Amino acid sequence: MGKQDFIDQTLAGLREKGLYNTIRTIEGANESWVTIEGKRVLNLCSNNYLGFANDERLRAAAKKAIEDYGVGPGAVRSIAGTQSIHIELERRIAEFKGTEAALSFQSGLYANLATIPLLMGKEDVLFTDELNHASIIDGVRLTKAQRVIFPHRDMAALAEKLEEHKDIPKKLIITDGVFSMDGDLAPLPAIVELAEKFDAMVMVDDAHGEGVLGRSGRGIVDHFNLHGRVDIEGGTFSKAFGSMGGYVAGSERLIEILRQQARPFLFSSASTPADVAGCIAAIDILEESDEPVRKLWANGDYFKAKLQEFGFDTGESETPITPVMLGEADTAWAFSKRLFEEDVFATAIAFPTVPRGKARIRAMLSAAHTQEDLDFSVETFVKVGRELGVIS
């Protein structure tokens, strides 16, 4: 047996179980319509909520940043990689989110990997929602803290667990703001009330909330008017903001300890000037008008209502994320394949990303989709749904 034969066995197992993912390649910019393998298809897979990924204003800002700052930062932030454009972005994030300070990272994943292990030690305890994103899970795994996983959005269970650990001085409750597979919201007001009762910190990953919830997309803390009561806000610029990077926002002292000791900040080169400039441009647009956010919600509400009219199960979504529940992985993959043949790009989501028996097509709506796009997508879902016996 060869030393890498286990890889072949693992891949063969994925194929046998219907879990092997064929990754599509987009030939050009990520927009509402994209070209894949020479075929023009309607894009319902992207997290490009506001259509900013190819917005001319972000492109112009990125080009200017390259002229002013170059292509790359040349170093980690703590040695020689911090440029004035990074400081400007962090000032703008803090203003936008309504916090004392903010720190930018190379990705949302790095924001979680930087923050969770640094704050929590072996004498501490973490409380984490069972459906939290993989980047939160990985951040938790890097700590030596005790881990308490509570059932999804179950506040009675969280209260019980907090009571059991009330004598531990340092406690942190971590949750997604918007859960990306189902599109439902964290019960953040109830979490904050429990945290205040048991003297625990609260961290929310707002990756799918920023640019979507709150005033002009300021996120879930703004949506629930919880400013000053959530200790740590984290997220990404790769979704609604259309660029790349991540951030953590909170108190001045939180940000300072991250600058001094967060490993992704200390040991990975800074974000590129072009990415940073794109993030700033996205904030500029949202501070000028909430029209992109309103258009996103209008598109999501219309699409979801139409699918429901035809008998599709769209789960528990409270956001423009629209899961079309199909049950078994084979059905979801067949549905996705037929959609692609009919010029709609919507990838199946199956185990292990979601539990067995809860496979789905996750449709991601964008402010860039037109009424014609939405009607075409609904017609195609109905056609394929009837072919496969998903709807009558």
Protein backbone atom coordinates (compact mmCIF):
# COMPACT_ATOMS: atom_id res chain seq x y z
CA MET A 1 0.00 0.00 0.00
CA GLY A 2 1.38 3.40 -1.02
CA LYS A 3 1.76 6.11 1.60
CA GLN A 4 -0.91 8.29 -0.06
CA ASP A 5 -3.37 5.54 -1.03
CA PHE A 6 -5.61 6.63 1.87
CA ILE A 7 -6.36 9.77 -0.13
CA ASP A 8 -7.70 7.75 -3.07
CA GLN A 9 -9.80 5.67 -0.68
CA THR A 10 -11.28 8.77 0.92
CA LEU A 11 -12.13 10.33 -2.44
CA ALA A 12 -13.67 7.08 -3.66
CA GLY A 13 -15.80 6.99 -0.50
CA LEU A 14 -17.07 10.50 -1.16
CA ARG A 15 -18.09 9.53 -4.69
CA GLU A 16 -19.86 6.36 -3.53
CA LYS A 17 -21.87 8.29 -0.94
CA GLY A 18 -22.83 11.07 -3.36
CA LEU A 19 -20.83 13.61 -1.36
CA TYR A 20 -18.15 14.41 -3.93
CA ASN A 21 -18.30 18.08 -4.88
CA THR A 22 -17.50 19.09 -8.45
CA ILE A 23 -16.34 22.69 -8.12
CA ARG A 24 -17.50 24.99 -10.91
CA THR A 25 -15.16 27.64 -12.36
CA ILE A 26 -16.56 31.08 -13.19
CA GLU A 27 -15.00 32.64 -16.27
CA GLY A 28 -15.09 36.34 -15.43
CA ALA A 29 -16.50 38.62 -12.73
CA ASN A 30 -18.94 37.37 -10.12
CA GLU A 31 -22.23 38.99 -11.12
CA SER A 32 -25.92 38.10 -11.34
CA TRP A 33 -25.20 36.19 -14.58
CA VAL A 34 -21.90 34.36 -14.98
CA THR A 35 -20.20 32.15 -17.55
CA ILE A 36 -19.22 28.62 -16.51
CA GLU A 37 -17.64 26.23 -19.01
CA GLY A 38 -18.77 28.55 -21.79
CA LYS A 39 -22.38 28.50 -20.58
CA ARG A 40 -24.14 31.67 -19.41
CA VAL A 41 -26.15 30.95 -16.24
CA LEU A 42 -28.11 32.89 -13.64
CA ASN A 43 -26.03 33.00 -10.46
CA LEU A 44 -27.92 31.97 -7.30
CA CYS A 45 -24.84 30.74 -5.42
CA SER A 46 -22.91 33.86 -4.55
CA ASN A 47 -22.77 35.72 -1.23
CA ASN A 48 -22.50 38.93 -3.28
CA TYR A 49 -25.63 40.24 -1.57
CA LEU A 50 -25.46 43.84 -2.72
CA GLY A 51 -23.88 43.28 -6.13
CA PHE A 52 -20.68 45.05 -5.03
CA ALA A 53 -18.19 42.38 -6.21
CA ASN A 54 -17.93 44.02 -9.65
CA ASP A 55 -19.27 47.47 -8.81
CA GLU A 56 -17.49 50.16 -10.78
CA ARG A 57 -17.02 52.29 -7.65
CA LEU A 58 -15.20 49.50 -5.82
CA ARG A 59 -13.14 48.75 -8.93
CA ALA A 60 -12.10 52.39 -9.25
CA ALA A 61 -11.13 52.53 -5.57
CA ALA A 62 -9.07 49.34 -5.90
CA LYS A 63 -7.23 50.66 -8.96
CA LYS A 64 -6.40 53.94 -7.23
CA ALA A 65 -5.14 52.07 -4.16
CA ILE A 66 -2.74 50.08 -6.33
CA GLU A 67 -1.42 53.33 -7.80
CA ASP A 68 -1.01 54.88 -4.35
CA TYR A 69 0.07 51.89 -2.23
CA GLY A 70 1.23 49.17 -4.62
CA VAL A 71 -0.01 45.61 -5.09
CA GLY A 72 0.97 44.03 -1.76
CA PRO A 73 1.77 45.19 1.77
CA GLY A 74 5.17 43.50 1.90
CA ALA A 75 5.04 42.39 5.53
CA VAL A 76 2.93 41.42 8.51
CA ARG A 77 1.00 44.24 10.16
CA SER A 78 3.17 44.30 13.30
CA ILE A 79 6.48 44.78 11.48
CA ALA A 80 6.14 46.85 8.32
CA GLY A 81 2.84 45.85 6.69
CA THR A 82 0.48 48.39 8.22
CA GLN A 83 -0.27 51.13 5.71
CA SER A 84 -2.34 54.23 6.30
CA ILE A 85 -5.16 52.74 4.24
CA HIS A 86 -5.48 49.92 6.81
CA ILE A 87 -5.87 52.46 9.60
CA GLU A 88 -8.46 54.37 7.58
CA LEU A 89 -10.51 51.18 7.04
CA GLU A 90 -10.45 50.39 10.76
CA ARG A 91 -11.60 53.89 11.64
CA ARG A 92 -14.45 53.56 9.16
CA ILE A 93 -15.49 50.10 10.42
CA ALA A 94 -15.72 51.38 14.00
CA GLU A 95 -17.82 54.35 12.92
CA PHE A 96 -20.09 52.19 10.78
CA LYS A 97 -20.61 49.55 13.48
CA GLY A 98 -20.88 52.06 16.33
CA THR A 99 -17.96 50.71 18.39
CA GLU A 100 -14.92 52.31 20.01
CA ALA A 101 -12.42 50.62 17.70
CA ALA A 102 -11.91 47.90 15.10
CA LEU A 103 -9.15 45.76 13.65
CA SER A 104 -9.06 44.33 10.14
CA PHE A 105 -7.82 40.87 9.21
CA GLN A 106 -7.15 38.98 6.01
CA SER A 107 -10.45 37.07 6.22
CA GLY A 108 -13.43 36.39 8.44
CA LEU A 109 -11.89 33.02 9.27
CA TYR A 110 -8.76 34.76 10.55
CA ALA A 111 -10.88 37.15 12.63
CA ASN A 112 -12.30 34.18 14.54
CA LEU A 113 -8.99 32.34 14.76
CA ALA A 114 -7.38 35.52 16.09
CA THR A 115 -9.95 36.37 18.72
CA ILE A 116 -11.36 33.24 20.34
CA PRO A 117 -8.09 31.48 21.31
CA LEU A 118 -6.54 34.71 22.54
CA LEU A 119 -9.39 35.60 24.88
CA MET A 120 -10.16 32.19 26.34
CA GLY A 121 -7.76 30.06 28.41
CA LYS A 122 -7.88 26.64 30.04
CA GLU A 123 -9.66 27.92 33.16
CA ASP A 124 -12.46 29.51 31.10
CA VAL A 125 -15.68 28.27 29.50
CA LEU A 126 -17.18 28.85 26.04
CA PHE A 127 -20.85 28.51 25.12
CA THR A 128 -21.38 27.96 21.39
CA ASP A 129 -24.50 27.36 19.28
CA GLU A 130 -24.49 23.89 17.70
CA LEU A 131 -24.98 25.38 14.21
CA ASN A 132 -22.23 27.98 14.40
CA HIS A 133 -20.05 28.38 11.31
CA ALA A 134 -16.95 26.24 10.82
CA SER A 135 -14.68 29.25 11.38
CA ILE A 136 -16.13 29.66 14.89
CA ILE A 137 -15.78 25.94 15.52
CA ASP A 138 -12.13 26.05 14.46
CA GLY A 139 -11.49 29.06 16.69
CA VAL A 140 -13.04 27.21 19.62
CA ARG A 141 -10.96 24.10 18.90
CA LEU A 142 -7.77 26.16 19.17
CA THR A 143 -8.54 27.05 22.78
CA LYS A 144 -7.99 24.96 25.90
CA ALA A 145 -11.17 26.34 27.41
CA GLN A 146 -14.06 24.12 28.40
CA ARG A 147 -16.59 23.96 25.56
CA VAL A 148 -20.34 23.87 26.05
CA ILE A 149 -22.40 23.36 22.88
CA PHE A 150 -26.04 24.39 23.31
CA PRO A 151 -28.93 23.36 21.00
CA HIS A 152 -29.61 25.77 18.17
CA ARG A 153 -31.19 29.00 19.46
CA ASP A 154 -32.36 27.21 22.62
CA MET A 155 -32.27 29.90 25.30
CA ALA A 156 -33.61 27.66 28.05
CA ALA A 157 -30.74 25.24 27.47
CA LEU A 158 -28.22 28.10 27.37
CA ALA A 159 -29.58 29.47 30.66
CA GLU A 160 -29.27 26.04 32.24
CA LYS A 161 -25.66 25.68 31.07
CA LEU A 162 -24.77 29.16 32.28
CA GLU A 163 -26.23 28.35 35.68
CA GLU A 164 -24.14 25.17 35.85
CA HIS A 165 -20.96 27.17 35.17
CA LYS A 166 -21.82 30.38 36.99
CA ASP A 167 -18.81 30.13 39.30
CA ILE A 168 -16.29 30.19 36.46
CA PRO A 169 -15.08 33.82 36.28
CA LYS A 170 -14.52 34.14 32.53
CA LYS A 171 -17.35 33.05 30.23
CA LEU A 172 -17.95 33.73 26.53
CA ILE A 173 -21.12 33.09 24.52
CA ILE A 174 -20.44 32.83 20.78
CA THR A 175 -23.04 32.83 18.01
CA ASP A 176 -23.49 33.52 14.34
CA GLY A 177 -25.69 36.55 13.73
CA VAL A 178 -27.32 34.99 10.67
CA PHE A 179 -26.98 31.23 10.26
CA SER A 180 -25.84 30.79 6.69
CA MET A 181 -27.44 27.44 5.85
CA ASP A 182 -30.96 28.23 7.13
CA GLY A 183 -31.02 32.03 7.00
CA ASP A 184 -32.41 32.34 10.53
CA LEU A 185 -31.29 34.90 13.11
CA ALA A 186 -29.61 34.42 16.46
CA PRO A 187 -31.96 35.41 19.32
CA LEU A 188 -29.44 38.08 20.23
CA PRO A 189 -31.58 40.10 22.68
CA ALA A 190 -32.18 36.96 24.78
CA ILE A 191 -28.50 35.99 24.57
CA VAL A 192 -27.44 39.44 25.75
CA GLU A 193 -29.90 39.33 28.67
CA LEU A 194 -28.54 35.97 29.79
CA ALA A 195 -24.96 37.18 29.38
CA GLU A 196 -25.66 40.20 31.58
CA LYS A 197 -27.37 38.02 34.19
CA PHE A 198 -24.42 35.58 34.37
CA ASP A 199 -21.64 38.13 33.73
CA ALA A 200 -20.55 36.54 30.42
CA MET A 201 -19.09 38.16 27.35
CA VAL A 202 -20.93 37.94 24.01
CA MET A 203 -19.30 37.49 20.61
CA VAL A 204 -21.34 37.57 17.40
CA ASP A 205 -20.03 36.64 13.96
CA ASP A 206 -22.00 38.95 11.66
CA ALA A 207 -20.66 37.58 8.38
CA HIS A 208 -24.14 37.22 6.82
CA GLY A 209 -25.67 40.14 8.72
CA GLU A 210 -23.47 43.04 7.70
CA GLY A 211 -24.78 44.72 4.59
CA VAL A 212 -28.07 42.88 5.16
CA LEU A 213 -29.51 43.72 8.60
CA GLY A 214 -29.79 47.02 10.44
CA ARG A 215 -29.67 50.59 9.18
CA SER A 216 -27.94 50.57 5.77
CA GLY A 217 -26.59 47.11 6.56
CA ARG A 218 -24.92 47.89 9.89
CA GLY A 219 -25.63 44.38 11.09
CA ILE A 220 -27.53 42.39 13.69
CA VAL A 221 -26.43 44.47 16.70
CA ASP A 222 -27.91 47.54 15.04
CA HIS A 223 -30.96 45.52 13.91
CA PHE A 224 -31.80 44.72 17.54
CA ASN A 225 -30.49 48.08 18.91
CA LEU A 226 -27.98 46.38 21.19
CA HIS A 227 -25.12 48.85 20.81
CA GLY A 228 -22.79 48.77 23.79
CA ARG A 229 -24.18 45.44 25.02
CA VAL A 230 -22.35 43.05 22.67
CA ASP A 231 -18.67 42.77 23.55
CA ILE A 232 -17.25 41.51 20.26
CA GLU A 233 -18.53 41.89 16.71
CA GLY A 234 -16.71 40.00 13.99
CA GLY A 235 -17.30 39.44 10.32
CA THR A 236 -16.10 39.44 6.76
CA PHE A 237 -15.88 41.80 3.80
CA SER A 238 -16.16 38.97 1.25
CA LYS A 239 -19.96 38.83 1.17
CA ALA A 240 -22.17 41.94 1.11
CA PHE A 241 -19.14 44.25 0.95
CA GLY A 242 -17.94 42.61 -2.26
CA SER A 243 -14.22 42.62 -1.43
CA MET A 244 -11.99 40.50 0.83
CA GLY A 245 -10.95 40.61 4.47
CA GLY A 246 -12.37 40.33 7.96
CA TYR A 247 -12.74 42.48 11.05
CA VAL A 248 -13.29 42.53 14.78
CA ALA A 249 -15.00 45.52 16.39
CA GLY A 250 -15.40 46.35 20.06
CA SER A 251 -13.75 48.27 22.88
CA GLU A 252 -10.39 50.02 22.58
CA ARG A 253 -8.78 47.56 24.97
CA LEU A 254 -10.13 44.53 23.10
CA ILE A 255 -8.63 45.82 19.85
CA GLU A 256 -5.34 46.68 21.52
CA ILE A 257 -4.86 43.17 22.93
CA LEU A 258 -5.60 41.76 19.46
CA ARG A 259 -2.96 44.07 17.95
CA GLN A 260 -0.43 42.91 20.52
CA GLN A 261 -1.07 39.17 20.61
CA ALA A 262 -3.48 37.85 17.93
CA ARG A 263 -1.51 35.29 15.93
CA PRO A 264 -3.08 35.88 12.46
CA PHE A 265 -2.33 39.59 12.92
CA LEU A 266 1.28 38.90 13.97
CA PHE A 267 2.19 36.09 11.60
CA SER A 268 0.36 36.62 8.30
CA SER A 269 0.90 39.49 5.88
CA ALA A 270 -1.62 42.31 5.79
CA SER A 271 -4.54 42.53 3.36
CA THR A 272 -3.73 44.04 -0.01
CA PRO A 273 -4.35 47.77 -0.58
CA ALA A 274 -6.82 47.00 -3.36
CA ASP A 275 -8.94 44.81 -1.08
CA VAL A 276 -8.88 47.40 1.69
CA ALA A 277 -9.88 50.20 -0.67
CA GLY A 278 -12.78 48.11 -1.94
CA CYS A 279 -14.01 47.68 1.64
CA ILE A 280 -13.87 51.44 2.28
CA ALA A 281 -15.74 52.12 -0.97
CA ALA A 282 -18.49 49.68 0.08
CA ILE A 283 -18.91 51.52 3.38
CA ASP A 284 -19.05 54.82 1.45
CA ILE A 285 -21.93 53.53 -0.67
CA LEU A 286 -23.92 52.21 2.29
CA GLU A 287 -23.48 55.43 4.27
CA GLU A 288 -24.81 57.39 1.31
CA SER A 289 -27.95 55.27 0.76
CA ASP A 290 -29.74 52.16 2.00
CA GLU A 291 -31.17 51.51 -1.47
CA PRO A 292 -28.97 48.42 -2.15
CA VAL A 293 -30.10 46.84 1.13
CA ARG A 294 -33.76 47.57 0.44
CA LYS A 295 -33.44 46.07 -3.06
CA LEU A 296 -31.84 42.92 -1.64
CA TRP A 297 -34.72 42.41 0.78
CA ALA A 298 -37.35 43.09 -1.87
CA ASN A 299 -35.77 40.49 -4.15
CA GLY A 300 -35.47 37.94 -1.36
CA ASP A 301 -39.05 38.41 -0.18
CA TYR A 302 -40.43 38.11 -3.72
CA PHE A 303 -38.44 35.01 -4.60
CA LYS A 304 -39.24 33.22 -1.36
CA ALA A 305 -42.96 34.01 -1.54
CA LYS A 306 -43.19 32.76 -5.13
CA LEU A 307 -41.48 29.46 -4.30
CA GLN A 308 -43.80 28.97 -1.34
CA GLU A 309 -46.83 29.59 -3.57
CA PHE A 310 -45.78 26.61 -5.69
CA GLY A 311 -45.32 24.36 -2.66
CA PHE A 312 -41.59 24.51 -2.01
CA ASP A 313 -40.37 24.23 1.58
CA THR A 314 -38.09 27.22 2.29
CA GLY A 315 -37.34 26.26 5.88
CA GLU A 316 -37.05 28.81 8.69
CA SER A 317 -35.26 31.60 6.84
CA GLU A 318 -35.71 35.16 8.13
CA THR A 319 -33.36 36.73 5.58
CA PRO A 320 -32.85 36.77 1.80
CA ILE A 321 -31.02 33.43 2.15
CA THR A 322 -33.53 30.94 0.72
CA PRO A 323 -33.00 27.25 1.47
CA VAL A 324 -35.11 24.99 -0.75
CA MET A 325 -35.41 21.87 1.40
CA LEU A 326 -35.12 18.61 -0.55
CA GLY A 327 -34.24 15.97 2.04
CA GLU A 328 -31.79 13.49 0.57
CA ALA A 329 -28.43 14.35 -0.99
CA ASP A 330 -29.20 12.47 -4.22
CA THR A 331 -32.31 14.57 -4.78
CA ALA A 332 -30.44 17.81 -4.09
CA TRP A 333 -27.60 16.97 -6.47
CA ALA A 334 -30.03 15.89 -9.20
CA PHE A 335 -32.01 19.09 -8.71
CA SER A 336 -28.86 21.22 -8.94
CA LYS A 337 -27.74 19.42 -12.10
CA ARG A 338 -31.09 19.97 -13.82
CA LEU A 339 -31.13 23.63 -12.81
CA PHE A 340 -27.71 24.09 -14.39
CA GLU A 341 -28.92 22.43 -17.59
CA GLU A 342 -31.74 25.00 -17.58
CA ASP A 343 -29.27 27.91 -17.09
CA VAL A 344 -29.62 28.40 -13.32
CA PHE A 345 -26.51 27.99 -11.16
CA ALA A 346 -27.60 26.89 -7.68
CA THR A 347 -25.43 24.37 -5.88
CA ALA A 348 -26.73 21.54 -3.71
CA ILE A 349 -25.82 21.63 -0.02
CA ALA A 350 -25.66 18.22 1.66
CA PHE A 351 -23.95 16.35 4.51
CA PRO A 352 -21.53 17.14 6.14
CA THR A 353 -22.31 20.83 5.59
CA VAL A 354 -25.88 20.18 6.79
CA PRO A 355 -27.27 17.17 8.69
CA ARG A 356 -28.26 14.01 6.82
CA GLY A 357 -31.82 14.22 5.54
CA LYS A 358 -31.68 18.02 5.30
CA ALA A 359 -30.03 18.44 1.90
CA ARG A 360 -31.13 21.49 -0.01
CA ILE A 361 -30.56 24.00 -2.73
CA ARG A 362 -29.48 27.22 -1.02
CA ALA A 363 -30.53 30.14 -3.22
CA MET A 364 -28.61 33.34 -2.51
CA LEU A 365 -30.41 36.45 -3.70
CA SER A 366 -28.68 39.69 -4.64
CA ALA A 367 -29.65 43.32 -5.09
CA ALA A 368 -28.20 42.92 -8.59
CA HIS A 369 -30.92 40.48 -9.68
CA THR A 370 -33.62 42.00 -11.86
CA GLN A 371 -37.33 41.19 -11.83
CA GLU A 372 -36.78 39.18 -15.01
CA ASP A 373 -34.02 37.21 -13.29
CA LEU A 374 -36.28 36.36 -10.38
CA ASP A 375 -39.19 35.28 -12.58
CA PHE A 376 -36.90 33.13 -14.72
CA SER A 377 -35.43 31.45 -11.64
CA VAL A 378 -38.87 30.71 -10.16
CA GLU A 379 -40.10 29.25 -13.46
CA THR A 380 -37.02 27.04 -13.64
CA PHE A 381 -37.35 25.84 -10.03
CA VAL A 382 -40.99 24.95 -10.69
CA LYS A 383 -40.15 23.08 -13.89
CA VAL A 384 -37.40 21.02 -12.25
CA GLY A 385 -39.41 20.55 -9.05
CA ARG A 386 -42.27 18.99 -10.98
CA GLU A 387 -39.94 16.80 -13.05
CA LEU A 388 -38.35 15.37 -9.90
CA GLY A 389 -41.58 15.05 -7.96
CA VAL A 390 -40.57 17.60 -5.32
CA ILE A 391 -43.77 19.59 -5.92
CA SER A 392 -47.02 18.52 -7.56
